[in-house]
Amino acid sequence: MAREPLESVISHWYQLFENFSTSSLDFYSAVEKAIQRRQVPDASVTRIEWKEGGAFSAKREYLHITRRRHAFDICAAPFGTGYFFSWWLTETPAKRAGVIFILVALGCLFSWGLFMDRFGLFKGSLLLLVVVMFGLYLVGQLAREGTWNIEDTILDVPVIGALYDLLFRPATYYKQDTALMFQETVRLAVLEVIDELGKTKGLRALTELERKPIMRDFAKK
């Protein structure tokens, strides 16, 4: 199991309730149902195990909720005589980006050799640049139309991702808003289940301050 992506944390929330106990599995199931009721588009809910420490340490189960590049890891666990709830919202790296970079680089080198041999250094290099730009544009169109779900992977490819992001994927209010909507939806689902525990098991109510997450430069993600 890979390590937790702490370097890509966007926001975090936690709360310890003293003299309280519940079932982690029941809590996760209740949150899953709360998410399903909200019909979050493109969301996937699974269980995941993260190590508590090093390679040979025990594992702890988390509720893992993903939507495109963003992922929630929700924890519910006993601690002494109390019970601890938390969640982490992270931006996950795309898979296979390194492999794609190597393949693209080899393809460009091979094509550059062919173009240079056929058209000379200047014209061959210019033609290769045009082909790469057109390829990025075509892939971008297919990705945005939903034909290929690979835009996130492209963005993680060194050099190619930066060029694609600059030319074809400018930051927009819509992208920031949808990411924030995902965070708020899951946050409210977790709080809904905790509030229900207050009604059924006598858990104290959270204050408004205790309900707020710790944000870490969301708009930069």
N, C-alpha and C. Protein backbone atom coordinates (compact mmCIF):
# COMPACT_ATOMS: atom_id res chain seq x y z
N MET A 1 0.84 -1.20 0.00
CA MET A 1 0.00 0.00 0.00
C MET A 1 0.88 1.25 0.00
N ALA A 2 0.57 2.19 -0.87
CA ALA A 2 1.35 3.43 -0.94
C ALA A 2 1.11 4.28 0.29
N ARG A 3 2.01 5.24 0.50
CA ARG A 3 1.85 6.14 1.64
C ARG A 3 0.75 7.15 1.36
N GLU A 4 0.20 7.69 2.45
CA GLU A 4 -0.83 8.70 2.31
C GLU A 4 -0.27 9.92 1.58
N PRO A 5 -1.06 10.52 0.68
CA PRO A 5 -0.58 11.67 -0.11
C PRO A 5 -0.63 12.97 0.67
N LEU A 6 0.11 13.06 1.81
CA LEU A 6 0.04 14.24 2.67
C LEU A 6 0.54 15.49 1.97
N GLU A 7 1.45 15.33 0.98
CA GLU A 7 1.99 16.50 0.30
C GLU A 7 0.97 17.18 -0.59
N SER A 8 -0.15 16.50 -0.87
CA SER A 8 -1.17 17.07 -1.76
C SER A 8 -2.47 17.37 -1.01
N VAL A 9 -2.39 17.57 0.31
CA VAL A 9 -3.58 17.86 1.10
C VAL A 9 -4.14 19.23 0.74
N ILE A 10 -5.43 19.29 0.50
CA ILE A 10 -6.12 20.54 0.21
C ILE A 10 -6.81 21.08 1.46
N SER A 11 -7.49 20.19 2.18
CA SER A 11 -8.16 20.60 3.41
C SER A 11 -8.26 19.41 4.35
N HIS A 12 -8.54 19.71 5.62
CA HIS A 12 -8.54 18.67 6.64
C HIS A 12 -9.56 19.06 7.72
N TRP A 13 -10.15 18.05 8.35
CA TRP A 13 -11.08 18.29 9.46
C TRP A 13 -10.96 17.15 10.45
N TYR A 14 -11.09 17.45 11.73
CA TYR A 14 -11.02 16.39 12.74
C TYR A 14 -11.76 16.82 14.00
N GLN A 15 -12.17 15.83 14.79
CA GLN A 15 -12.81 16.11 16.07
C GLN A 15 -12.73 14.87 16.96
N LEU A 16 -12.31 15.06 18.20
CA LEU A 16 -12.27 14.00 19.19
C LEU A 16 -13.41 14.20 20.19
N PHE A 17 -14.22 13.17 20.37
CA PHE A 17 -15.33 13.22 21.33
C PHE A 17 -14.96 12.35 22.52
N GLU A 18 -14.93 12.93 23.70
CA GLU A 18 -14.57 12.19 24.90
C GLU A 18 -15.76 11.38 25.42
N ASN A 19 -15.40 10.24 26.05
CA ASN A 19 -16.41 9.36 26.66
C ASN A 19 -17.51 8.98 25.68
N PHE A 20 -17.08 8.56 24.51
CA PHE A 20 -18.04 8.16 23.47
C PHE A 20 -17.45 7.00 22.68
N SER A 21 -18.32 6.12 22.20
CA SER A 21 -17.89 4.99 21.38
C SER A 21 -18.97 4.64 20.37
N THR A 22 -18.54 4.20 19.21
CA THR A 22 -19.48 3.77 18.18
C THR A 22 -18.78 2.76 17.29
N SER A 23 -19.41 2.32 16.23
CA SER A 23 -18.84 1.37 15.28
C SER A 23 -18.31 2.11 14.06
N SER A 24 -17.04 1.90 13.73
CA SER A 24 -16.46 2.54 12.56
C SER A 24 -17.17 2.09 11.29
N LEU A 25 -17.47 0.78 11.21
CA LEU A 25 -18.12 0.26 10.02
C LEU A 25 -19.52 0.84 9.84
N ASP A 26 -20.24 0.97 10.95
CA ASP A 26 -21.58 1.57 10.86
C ASP A 26 -21.48 3.04 10.44
N PHE A 27 -20.48 3.74 10.95
CA PHE A 27 -20.30 5.14 10.58
C PHE A 27 -20.00 5.26 9.09
N TYR A 28 -19.08 4.43 8.59
CA TYR A 28 -18.75 4.48 7.16
C TYR A 28 -19.97 4.16 6.30
N SER A 29 -20.74 3.17 6.71
CA SER A 29 -21.94 2.80 5.94
C SER A 29 -22.94 3.95 5.90
N ALA A 30 -23.08 4.65 7.02
CA ALA A 30 -24.01 5.78 7.08
C ALA A 30 -23.54 6.92 6.19
N VAL A 31 -22.23 7.17 6.17
CA VAL A 31 -21.70 8.22 5.30
C VAL A 31 -21.88 7.84 3.84
N GLU A 32 -21.64 6.57 3.50
CA GLU A 32 -21.85 6.10 2.13
C GLU A 32 -23.29 6.38 1.68
N LYS A 33 -24.25 6.06 2.54
CA LYS A 33 -25.66 6.29 2.20
C LYS A 33 -25.95 7.78 2.04
N ALA A 34 -25.34 8.60 2.90
CA ALA A 34 -25.53 10.05 2.81
C ALA A 34 -24.97 10.60 1.50
N ILE A 35 -23.85 10.03 1.05
CA ILE A 35 -23.26 10.44 -0.24
C ILE A 35 -24.16 10.01 -1.38
N GLN A 36 -24.65 8.78 -1.32
CA GLN A 36 -25.51 8.26 -2.38
C GLN A 36 -26.78 9.08 -2.53
N ARG A 37 -27.34 9.52 -1.41
CA ARG A 37 -28.56 10.33 -1.46
C ARG A 37 -28.32 11.66 -2.17
N ARG A 38 -27.12 12.15 -2.08
CA ARG A 38 -26.79 13.44 -2.70
C ARG A 38 -26.44 13.31 -4.18
N GLN A 39 -26.31 12.08 -4.68
CA GLN A 39 -26.09 11.81 -6.10
C GLN A 39 -24.93 12.66 -6.66
N VAL A 40 -23.79 12.55 -6.03
CA VAL A 40 -22.60 13.31 -6.46
C VAL A 40 -22.13 12.77 -7.80
N PRO A 41 -22.07 13.59 -8.86
CA PRO A 41 -21.64 13.10 -10.18
C PRO A 41 -20.18 12.67 -10.18
N ASP A 42 -19.91 11.54 -10.84
CA ASP A 42 -18.55 11.01 -11.03
C ASP A 42 -17.88 10.59 -9.73
N ALA A 43 -18.64 10.41 -8.66
CA ALA A 43 -18.05 10.03 -7.37
C ALA A 43 -18.00 8.51 -7.24
N SER A 44 -16.94 8.03 -6.63
CA SER A 44 -16.76 6.60 -6.38
C SER A 44 -16.42 6.40 -4.90
N VAL A 45 -17.10 5.44 -4.25
CA VAL A 45 -16.92 5.21 -2.82
C VAL A 45 -16.37 3.80 -2.61
N THR A 46 -15.23 3.70 -1.92
CA THR A 46 -14.61 2.41 -1.62
C THR A 46 -14.04 2.46 -0.20
N ARG A 47 -13.48 1.35 0.23
CA ARG A 47 -12.73 1.29 1.50
C ARG A 47 -11.26 1.11 1.15
N ILE A 48 -10.40 1.73 1.95
CA ILE A 48 -8.97 1.65 1.69
C ILE A 48 -8.24 1.50 3.02
N GLU A 49 -7.10 0.81 3.00
CA GLU A 49 -6.31 0.63 4.21
C GLU A 49 -4.99 1.39 4.09
N TRP A 50 -4.75 2.28 5.04
CA TRP A 50 -3.48 3.01 5.13
C TRP A 50 -2.70 2.47 6.32
N LYS A 51 -1.39 2.40 6.17
CA LYS A 51 -0.54 1.94 7.26
C LYS A 51 -0.49 2.99 8.37
N GLU A 52 -0.41 2.52 9.60
CA GLU A 52 -0.32 3.43 10.74
C GLU A 52 1.07 4.02 10.89
N GLY A 53 2.06 3.32 10.35
CA GLY A 53 3.44 3.80 10.48
C GLY A 53 4.30 3.31 9.33
N GLY A 54 5.37 2.54 9.66
CA GLY A 54 6.30 2.05 8.66
C GLY A 54 5.80 0.84 7.92
N ALA A 55 6.75 0.16 7.25
CA ALA A 55 6.41 -0.94 6.36
C ALA A 55 5.72 -2.10 7.07
N PHE A 56 6.07 -2.35 8.34
CA PHE A 56 5.53 -3.52 9.04
C PHE A 56 4.49 -3.13 10.10
N SER A 57 3.99 -1.92 10.03
CA SER A 57 3.00 -1.48 11.01
C SER A 57 1.61 -1.99 10.65
N ALA A 58 0.70 -1.85 11.60
CA ALA A 58 -0.68 -2.25 11.35
C ALA A 58 -1.35 -1.29 10.37
N LYS A 59 -2.50 -1.72 9.85
CA LYS A 59 -3.24 -0.91 8.90
C LYS A 59 -4.54 -0.43 9.53
N ARG A 60 -5.02 0.70 9.06
CA ARG A 60 -6.29 1.23 9.53
C ARG A 60 -7.18 1.49 8.32
N GLU A 61 -8.44 1.09 8.43
CA GLU A 61 -9.36 1.24 7.30
C GLU A 61 -9.97 2.64 7.26
N TYR A 62 -10.01 3.20 6.08
CA TYR A 62 -10.62 4.50 5.84
C TYR A 62 -11.71 4.36 4.79
N LEU A 63 -12.65 5.29 4.83
CA LEU A 63 -13.64 5.40 3.76
C LEU A 63 -13.05 6.32 2.70
N HIS A 64 -12.95 5.84 1.46
CA HIS A 64 -12.25 6.54 0.38
C HIS A 64 -13.26 6.97 -0.67
N ILE A 65 -13.40 8.27 -0.85
CA ILE A 65 -14.37 8.83 -1.81
C ILE A 65 -13.60 9.66 -2.84
N THR A 66 -13.73 9.32 -4.10
CA THR A 66 -12.99 10.02 -5.15
C THR A 66 -13.93 10.64 -6.17
N ARG A 67 -13.47 11.75 -6.74
CA ARG A 67 -14.13 12.38 -7.86
C ARG A 67 -13.06 13.03 -8.72
N ARG A 68 -12.77 12.39 -9.85
CA ARG A 68 -11.70 12.84 -10.74
C ARG A 68 -10.39 12.94 -9.98
N ARG A 69 -9.79 14.14 -9.88
CA ARG A 69 -8.48 14.25 -9.24
C ARG A 69 -8.56 14.38 -7.72
N HIS A 70 -9.75 14.53 -7.16
CA HIS A 70 -9.86 14.78 -5.73
C HIS A 70 -10.31 13.52 -4.99
N ALA A 71 -9.78 13.35 -3.78
CA ALA A 71 -10.11 12.16 -2.99
C ALA A 71 -10.27 12.53 -1.51
N PHE A 72 -11.31 11.99 -0.90
CA PHE A 72 -11.53 12.11 0.54
C PHE A 72 -11.12 10.80 1.20
N ASP A 73 -10.39 10.89 2.30
CA ASP A 73 -10.13 9.74 3.16
C ASP A 73 -10.72 10.07 4.53
N ILE A 74 -11.75 9.32 4.91
CA ILE A 74 -12.50 9.57 6.13
C ILE A 74 -12.15 8.51 7.16
N CYS A 75 -11.84 8.95 8.38
CA CYS A 75 -11.43 8.05 9.45
C CYS A 75 -12.40 8.14 10.62
N ALA A 76 -12.72 6.99 11.21
CA ALA A 76 -13.49 6.91 12.46
C ALA A 76 -12.84 5.83 13.30
N ALA A 77 -12.33 6.21 14.48
CA ALA A 77 -11.56 5.24 15.26
C ALA A 77 -11.60 5.58 16.75
N PRO A 78 -11.59 4.55 17.62
CA PRO A 78 -11.53 4.82 19.06
C PRO A 78 -10.15 5.32 19.46
N PHE A 79 -10.11 6.15 20.50
CA PHE A 79 -8.84 6.63 21.04
C PHE A 79 -9.01 6.79 22.55
N GLY A 80 -8.45 5.84 23.29
CA GLY A 80 -8.66 5.83 24.73
C GLY A 80 -10.12 5.63 25.06
N THR A 81 -10.67 6.53 25.86
CA THR A 81 -12.09 6.46 26.22
C THR A 81 -12.95 7.30 25.27
N GLY A 82 -12.31 7.89 24.26
CA GLY A 82 -13.04 8.74 23.33
C GLY A 82 -13.10 8.14 21.94
N TYR A 83 -13.63 8.93 21.01
CA TYR A 83 -13.74 8.49 19.62
C TYR A 83 -13.34 9.64 18.71
N PHE A 84 -12.59 9.31 17.67
CA PHE A 84 -11.97 10.31 16.80
C PHE A 84 -12.54 10.20 15.39
N PHE A 85 -12.95 11.34 14.85
CA PHE A 85 -13.41 11.42 13.46
C PHE A 85 -12.52 12.42 12.71
N SER A 86 -12.21 12.10 11.46
CA SER A 86 -11.43 13.06 10.65
C SER A 86 -11.63 12.77 9.18
N TRP A 87 -11.30 13.75 8.36
CA TRP A 87 -11.22 13.52 6.92
C TRP A 87 -10.10 14.37 6.32
N TRP A 88 -9.54 13.86 5.24
CA TRP A 88 -8.49 14.55 4.49
C TRP A 88 -8.96 14.65 3.04
N LEU A 89 -8.89 15.83 2.46
CA LEU A 89 -9.18 16.01 1.04
C LEU A 89 -7.86 16.26 0.33
N THR A 90 -7.54 15.42 -0.65
CA THR A 90 -6.27 15.53 -1.36
C THR A 90 -6.50 15.56 -2.87
N GLU A 91 -5.48 16.01 -3.56
CA GLU A 91 -5.48 15.94 -5.03
C GLU A 91 -4.56 14.80 -5.41
N THR A 92 -5.10 13.77 -6.04
CA THR A 92 -4.34 12.56 -6.33
C THR A 92 -3.60 12.68 -7.65
N PRO A 93 -2.37 12.16 -7.71
CA PRO A 93 -1.63 12.18 -8.98
C PRO A 93 -2.22 11.20 -9.97
N ALA A 94 -2.16 11.53 -11.23
CA ALA A 94 -2.65 10.62 -12.26
C ALA A 94 -1.69 9.45 -12.43
N LYS A 95 -2.23 8.33 -12.83
CA LYS A 95 -1.41 7.13 -13.01
C LYS A 95 -0.78 7.11 -14.40
N ARG A 96 0.33 6.42 -14.50
CA ARG A 96 1.01 6.15 -15.77
C ARG A 96 1.57 7.39 -16.44
N ALA A 97 1.68 8.51 -15.72
CA ALA A 97 2.18 9.73 -16.33
C ALA A 97 3.64 9.57 -16.77
N GLY A 98 4.44 8.90 -15.93
CA GLY A 98 5.85 8.70 -16.28
C GLY A 98 6.02 7.84 -17.52
N VAL A 99 5.21 6.78 -17.63
CA VAL A 99 5.28 5.90 -18.79
C VAL A 99 4.89 6.66 -20.05
N ILE A 100 3.82 7.47 -19.94
CA ILE A 100 3.38 8.25 -21.10
C ILE A 100 4.46 9.23 -21.54
N PHE A 101 5.12 9.87 -20.55
CA PHE A 101 6.18 10.82 -20.88
C PHE A 101 7.30 10.14 -21.67
N ILE A 102 7.71 8.96 -21.24
CA ILE A 102 8.78 8.23 -21.93
C ILE A 102 8.35 7.88 -23.35
N LEU A 103 7.11 7.39 -23.50
CA LEU A 103 6.62 7.02 -24.83
C LEU A 103 6.52 8.23 -25.75
N VAL A 104 6.01 9.35 -25.19
CA VAL A 104 5.88 10.57 -26.00
C VAL A 104 7.26 11.08 -26.40
N ALA A 105 8.21 11.06 -25.45
CA ALA A 105 9.55 11.54 -25.74
C ALA A 105 10.22 10.69 -26.82
N LEU A 106 10.08 9.38 -26.71
CA LEU A 106 10.65 8.50 -27.73
C LEU A 106 9.99 8.72 -29.09
N GLY A 107 8.66 8.90 -29.07
CA GLY A 107 7.95 9.16 -30.32
C GLY A 107 8.38 10.46 -30.97
N CYS A 108 8.58 11.51 -30.14
CA CYS A 108 9.02 12.80 -30.67
C CYS A 108 10.42 12.71 -31.25
N LEU A 109 11.31 12.01 -30.55
CA LEU A 109 12.68 11.85 -31.05
C LEU A 109 12.70 11.09 -32.37
N PHE A 110 11.90 10.03 -32.45
CA PHE A 110 11.84 9.25 -33.68
C PHE A 110 11.26 10.08 -34.82
N SER A 111 10.18 10.81 -34.54
CA SER A 111 9.55 11.64 -35.56
C SER A 111 10.48 12.78 -35.98
N TRP A 112 11.18 13.37 -35.01
CA TRP A 112 12.10 14.46 -35.34
C TRP A 112 13.19 13.98 -36.26
N GLY A 113 13.68 12.76 -36.02
CA GLY A 113 14.71 12.20 -36.90
C GLY A 113 14.19 12.02 -38.31
N LEU A 114 12.96 11.52 -38.44
CA LEU A 114 12.37 11.33 -39.77
C LEU A 114 12.13 12.66 -40.47
N PHE A 115 11.56 13.64 -39.73
CA PHE A 115 11.27 14.95 -40.32
C PHE A 115 12.56 15.67 -40.72
N MET A 116 13.57 15.59 -39.87
CA MET A 116 14.83 16.27 -40.17
C MET A 116 15.51 15.65 -41.38
N ASP A 117 15.43 14.34 -41.48
CA ASP A 117 16.02 13.65 -42.62
C ASP A 117 15.29 14.00 -43.91
N ARG A 118 13.99 14.23 -43.79
CA ARG A 118 13.17 14.50 -44.99
C ARG A 118 13.15 15.98 -45.34
N PHE A 119 13.04 16.87 -44.32
CA PHE A 119 12.84 18.29 -44.59
C PHE A 119 13.97 19.19 -44.11
N GLY A 120 14.95 18.63 -43.45
CA GLY A 120 16.03 19.46 -42.92
C GLY A 120 15.76 19.85 -41.46
N LEU A 121 16.79 20.44 -40.82
CA LEU A 121 16.70 20.74 -39.40
C LEU A 121 15.60 21.74 -39.07
N PHE A 122 15.58 22.87 -39.75
CA PHE A 122 14.62 23.92 -39.42
C PHE A 122 13.19 23.49 -39.74
N LYS A 123 12.95 23.08 -40.98
CA LYS A 123 11.60 22.69 -41.37
C LYS A 123 11.13 21.45 -40.62
N GLY A 124 12.03 20.51 -40.38
CA GLY A 124 11.66 19.30 -39.65
C GLY A 124 11.26 19.60 -38.22
N SER A 125 12.02 20.50 -37.56
CA SER A 125 11.69 20.88 -36.19
C SER A 125 10.37 21.63 -36.13
N LEU A 126 10.15 22.52 -37.10
CA LEU A 126 8.90 23.27 -37.15
C LEU A 126 7.71 22.35 -37.38
N LEU A 127 7.88 21.38 -38.27
CA LEU A 127 6.81 20.43 -38.55
C LEU A 127 6.50 19.58 -37.32
N LEU A 128 7.52 19.18 -36.60
CA LEU A 128 7.30 18.39 -35.39
C LEU A 128 6.52 19.19 -34.35
N LEU A 129 6.86 20.48 -34.22
CA LEU A 129 6.15 21.34 -33.28
C LEU A 129 4.67 21.45 -33.65
N VAL A 130 4.38 21.60 -34.95
CA VAL A 130 3.00 21.69 -35.41
C VAL A 130 2.25 20.39 -35.11
N VAL A 131 2.90 19.25 -35.36
CA VAL A 131 2.27 17.96 -35.12
C VAL A 131 1.96 17.77 -33.64
N VAL A 132 2.92 18.14 -32.76
CA VAL A 132 2.72 18.01 -31.32
C VAL A 132 1.57 18.90 -30.85
N MET A 133 1.54 20.15 -31.33
CA MET A 133 0.48 21.07 -30.94
C MET A 133 -0.89 20.57 -31.40
N PHE A 134 -0.95 20.06 -32.62
CA PHE A 134 -2.21 19.54 -33.13
C PHE A 134 -2.64 18.31 -32.33
N GLY A 135 -1.67 17.46 -31.99
CA GLY A 135 -1.98 16.27 -31.19
C GLY A 135 -2.53 16.64 -29.82
N LEU A 136 -1.93 17.65 -29.18
CA LEU A 136 -2.42 18.11 -27.88
C LEU A 136 -3.83 18.68 -28.00
N TYR A 137 -4.05 19.44 -29.06
CA TYR A 137 -5.38 20.02 -29.28
C TYR A 137 -6.43 18.93 -29.48
N LEU A 138 -6.09 17.92 -30.29
CA LEU A 138 -7.03 16.83 -30.57
C LEU A 138 -7.34 16.04 -29.30
N VAL A 139 -6.30 15.71 -28.53
CA VAL A 139 -6.51 14.98 -27.28
C VAL A 139 -7.34 15.81 -26.30
N GLY A 140 -7.05 17.13 -26.27
CA GLY A 140 -7.81 18.01 -25.39
C GLY A 140 -9.28 18.05 -25.73
N GLN A 141 -9.60 18.10 -27.02
CA GLN A 141 -10.99 18.11 -27.45
C GLN A 141 -11.70 16.81 -27.07
N LEU A 142 -11.03 15.69 -27.30
CA LEU A 142 -11.63 14.40 -26.97
C LEU A 142 -11.81 14.25 -25.47
N ALA A 143 -10.85 14.77 -24.70
CA ALA A 143 -10.95 14.67 -23.24
C ALA A 143 -12.09 15.51 -22.71
N ARG A 144 -12.23 16.74 -23.21
CA ARG A 144 -13.28 17.62 -22.71
C ARG A 144 -14.67 17.15 -23.12
N GLU A 145 -14.75 16.47 -24.26
CA GLU A 145 -16.04 15.93 -24.70
C GLU A 145 -16.40 14.64 -24.00
N GLY A 146 -15.45 14.11 -23.23
CA GLY A 146 -15.72 12.88 -22.49
C GLY A 146 -15.43 11.62 -23.29
N THR A 147 -14.93 11.76 -24.52
CA THR A 147 -14.60 10.59 -25.33
C THR A 147 -13.45 9.80 -24.70
N TRP A 148 -12.42 10.50 -24.27
CA TRP A 148 -11.28 9.89 -23.57
C TRP A 148 -11.16 10.53 -22.20
N ASN A 149 -11.12 9.74 -21.16
CA ASN A 149 -10.98 10.25 -19.80
C ASN A 149 -9.50 10.23 -19.39
N ILE A 150 -8.68 11.01 -20.08
CA ILE A 150 -7.23 10.97 -19.84
C ILE A 150 -6.64 12.36 -19.59
N GLU A 151 -7.46 13.38 -19.48
CA GLU A 151 -6.93 14.72 -19.32
C GLU A 151 -6.09 14.84 -18.05
N ASP A 152 -6.54 14.23 -16.96
CA ASP A 152 -5.80 14.32 -15.70
C ASP A 152 -4.43 13.66 -15.83
N THR A 153 -4.36 12.56 -16.57
CA THR A 153 -3.08 11.90 -16.77
C THR A 153 -2.14 12.77 -17.58
N ILE A 154 -2.66 13.41 -18.60
CA ILE A 154 -1.84 14.29 -19.44
C ILE A 154 -1.25 15.42 -18.61
N LEU A 155 -2.03 15.96 -17.70
CA LEU A 155 -1.58 17.09 -16.89
C LEU A 155 -0.41 16.72 -15.98
N ASP A 156 -0.27 15.44 -15.64
CA ASP A 156 0.82 15.00 -14.78
C ASP A 156 2.07 14.61 -15.56
N VAL A 157 1.99 14.60 -16.87
CA VAL A 157 3.16 14.26 -17.69
C VAL A 157 4.11 15.45 -17.72
N PRO A 158 5.38 15.26 -17.35
CA PRO A 158 6.34 16.38 -17.37
C PRO A 158 6.39 17.05 -18.74
N VAL A 159 6.53 18.36 -18.74
CA VAL A 159 6.66 19.20 -19.95
C VAL A 159 5.35 19.21 -20.74
N ILE A 160 4.91 18.03 -21.18
CA ILE A 160 3.69 17.93 -21.98
C ILE A 160 2.49 18.45 -21.19
N GLY A 161 2.41 18.07 -19.91
CA GLY A 161 1.29 18.51 -19.08
C GLY A 161 1.26 20.01 -18.89
N ALA A 162 2.44 20.60 -18.67
CA ALA A 162 2.53 22.06 -18.50
C ALA A 162 2.12 22.79 -19.77
N LEU A 163 2.56 22.27 -20.91
CA LEU A 163 2.21 22.89 -22.20
C LEU A 163 0.72 22.77 -22.47
N TYR A 164 0.17 21.59 -22.19
CA TYR A 164 -1.26 21.38 -22.40
C TYR A 164 -2.08 22.29 -21.49
N ASP A 165 -1.65 22.40 -20.23
CA ASP A 165 -2.37 23.23 -19.26
C ASP A 165 -2.36 24.69 -19.68
N LEU A 166 -1.22 25.15 -20.17
CA LEU A 166 -1.08 26.55 -20.59
C LEU A 166 -1.95 26.89 -21.78
N LEU A 167 -2.01 25.99 -22.75
CA LEU A 167 -2.67 26.29 -24.01
C LEU A 167 -4.16 25.93 -24.04
N PHE A 168 -4.53 24.81 -23.41
CA PHE A 168 -5.86 24.27 -23.61
C PHE A 168 -6.68 24.10 -22.33
N ARG A 169 -6.11 24.40 -21.18
CA ARG A 169 -6.85 24.16 -19.95
C ARG A 169 -6.68 25.33 -18.97
N PRO A 170 -7.16 26.49 -19.32
CA PRO A 170 -7.03 27.63 -18.41
C PRO A 170 -7.90 27.46 -17.17
N ALA A 171 -7.48 28.09 -16.07
CA ALA A 171 -8.27 28.04 -14.84
C ALA A 171 -9.59 28.77 -15.05
N THR A 172 -10.66 28.20 -14.54
CA THR A 172 -11.98 28.81 -14.68
C THR A 172 -12.71 28.76 -13.34
N TYR A 173 -13.70 29.63 -13.21
CA TYR A 173 -14.54 29.59 -12.02
C TYR A 173 -15.23 28.23 -11.89
N TYR A 174 -15.64 27.67 -13.02
CA TYR A 174 -16.38 26.41 -12.99
C TYR A 174 -15.55 25.29 -12.37
N LYS A 175 -14.28 25.19 -12.73
CA LYS A 175 -13.43 24.13 -12.20
C LYS A 175 -13.24 24.28 -10.70
N GLN A 176 -13.02 25.51 -10.26
CA GLN A 176 -12.87 25.74 -8.82
C GLN A 176 -14.18 25.47 -8.09
N ASP A 177 -15.29 25.89 -8.68
CA ASP A 177 -16.58 25.72 -8.02
C ASP A 177 -16.96 24.25 -7.88
N THR A 178 -16.73 23.44 -8.94
CA THR A 178 -17.09 22.03 -8.86
C THR A 178 -16.24 21.30 -7.82
N ALA A 179 -14.96 21.67 -7.72
CA ALA A 179 -14.11 21.07 -6.70
C ALA A 179 -14.59 21.45 -5.31
N LEU A 180 -14.97 22.70 -5.13
CA LEU A 180 -15.48 23.15 -3.84
C LEU A 180 -16.83 22.50 -3.52
N MET A 181 -17.65 22.30 -4.53
CA MET A 181 -18.93 21.64 -4.31
C MET A 181 -18.74 20.20 -3.85
N PHE A 182 -17.74 19.53 -4.40
CA PHE A 182 -17.44 18.16 -3.97
C PHE A 182 -17.01 18.16 -2.51
N GLN A 183 -16.13 19.06 -2.15
CA GLN A 183 -15.69 19.15 -0.76
C GLN A 183 -16.87 19.42 0.18
N GLU A 184 -17.70 20.38 -0.18
CA GLU A 184 -18.80 20.77 0.70
C GLU A 184 -19.84 19.66 0.82
N THR A 185 -20.08 18.94 -0.27
CA THR A 185 -21.07 17.87 -0.24
C THR A 185 -20.64 16.75 0.70
N VAL A 186 -19.38 16.33 0.58
CA VAL A 186 -18.89 15.26 1.45
C VAL A 186 -18.81 15.75 2.90
N ARG A 187 -18.38 16.98 3.09
CA ARG A 187 -18.29 17.54 4.45
C ARG A 187 -19.67 17.53 5.12
N LEU A 188 -20.69 17.95 4.40
CA LEU A 188 -22.05 17.97 4.96
C LEU A 188 -22.57 16.56 5.23
N ALA A 189 -22.18 15.60 4.37
CA ALA A 189 -22.60 14.22 4.59
C ALA A 189 -21.99 13.67 5.89
N VAL A 190 -20.72 13.97 6.13
CA VAL A 190 -20.07 13.52 7.37
C VAL A 190 -20.73 14.17 8.58
N LEU A 191 -20.97 15.47 8.49
CA LEU A 191 -21.60 16.17 9.61
C LEU A 191 -23.03 15.69 9.86
N GLU A 192 -23.72 15.33 8.79
CA GLU A 192 -25.08 14.80 8.94
C GLU A 192 -25.09 13.53 9.77
N VAL A 193 -24.13 12.63 9.50
CA VAL A 193 -24.05 11.38 10.24
C VAL A 193 -23.66 11.63 11.69
N ILE A 194 -22.73 12.55 11.91
CA ILE A 194 -22.34 12.87 13.29
C ILE A 194 -23.50 13.50 14.05
N ASP A 195 -24.26 14.37 13.39
CA ASP A 195 -25.44 14.97 14.03
C ASP A 195 -26.47 13.89 14.38
N GLU A 196 -26.59 12.89 13.53
CA GLU A 196 -27.53 11.80 13.80
C GLU A 196 -27.08 10.99 15.01
N LEU A 197 -25.75 10.84 15.16
CA LEU A 197 -25.23 10.16 16.35
C LEU A 197 -25.58 10.93 17.61
N GLY A 198 -25.65 12.24 17.48
CA GLY A 198 -26.05 13.06 18.61
C GLY A 198 -27.48 12.78 19.04
N LYS A 199 -28.35 12.49 18.08
CA LYS A 199 -29.75 12.23 18.38
C LYS A 199 -29.96 10.82 18.93
N THR A 200 -29.20 9.85 18.40
CA THR A 200 -29.44 8.46 18.77
C THR A 200 -28.55 7.97 19.91
N LYS A 201 -27.34 8.56 20.05
CA LYS A 201 -26.40 8.05 21.06
C LYS A 201 -25.93 9.13 22.03
N GLY A 202 -26.57 10.27 21.99
CA GLY A 202 -26.25 11.30 22.96
C GLY A 202 -24.94 12.02 22.72
N LEU A 203 -24.43 12.00 21.50
CA LEU A 203 -23.19 12.71 21.19
C LEU A 203 -23.45 14.21 21.23
N ARG A 204 -22.54 14.94 21.83
CA ARG A 204 -22.75 16.38 21.95
C ARG A 204 -22.73 17.05 20.58
N ALA A 205 -23.45 18.15 20.47
CA ALA A 205 -23.53 18.87 19.21
C ALA A 205 -22.23 19.65 18.96
N LEU A 206 -21.85 19.72 17.69
CA LEU A 206 -20.66 20.48 17.31
C LEU A 206 -20.99 21.96 17.25
N THR A 207 -20.02 22.78 17.63
CA THR A 207 -20.18 24.23 17.47
C THR A 207 -19.91 24.59 16.01
N GLU A 208 -20.28 25.79 15.63
CA GLU A 208 -20.03 26.24 14.25
C GLU A 208 -18.55 26.25 13.93
N LEU A 209 -17.72 26.63 14.89
CA LEU A 209 -16.27 26.64 14.68
C LEU A 209 -15.73 25.23 14.48
N GLU A 210 -16.27 24.27 15.24
CA GLU A 210 -15.81 22.88 15.13
C GLU A 210 -16.23 22.24 13.80
N ARG A 211 -17.20 22.81 13.13
CA ARG A 211 -17.66 22.26 11.87
C ARG A 211 -16.82 22.70 10.67
N LYS A 212 -16.00 23.70 10.85
CA LYS A 212 -15.25 24.27 9.73
C LYS A 212 -13.98 23.47 9.45
N PRO A 213 -13.67 23.25 8.17
CA PRO A 213 -12.42 22.55 7.83
C PRO A 213 -11.22 23.49 7.86
N ILE A 214 -10.05 22.89 7.90
CA ILE A 214 -8.79 23.64 7.80
C ILE A 214 -8.40 23.66 6.32
N MET A 215 -8.39 24.81 5.73
CA MET A 215 -8.12 24.93 4.29
C MET A 215 -6.64 25.19 4.03
N ARG A 216 -6.15 24.64 2.90
CA ARG A 216 -4.75 24.84 2.53
C ARG A 216 -4.66 25.22 1.05
N ASP A 217 -4.93 26.48 0.76
CA ASP A 217 -4.76 27.01 -0.60
C ASP A 217 -5.51 26.20 -1.65
N PHE A 218 -6.83 26.04 -1.45
CA PHE A 218 -7.63 25.26 -2.37
C PHE A 218 -7.55 25.79 -3.79
N ALA A 219 -7.61 27.10 -3.94
CA ALA A 219 -7.67 27.71 -5.27
C ALA A 219 -6.43 27.44 -6.10
N LYS A 220 -5.33 27.02 -5.47
CA LYS A 220 -4.10 26.77 -6.20
C LYS A 220 -4.09 25.36 -6.78
N LYS A 221 -5.06 24.54 -6.40
CA LYS A 221 -5.07 23.15 -6.85
C LYS A 221 -5.75 23.02 -8.19
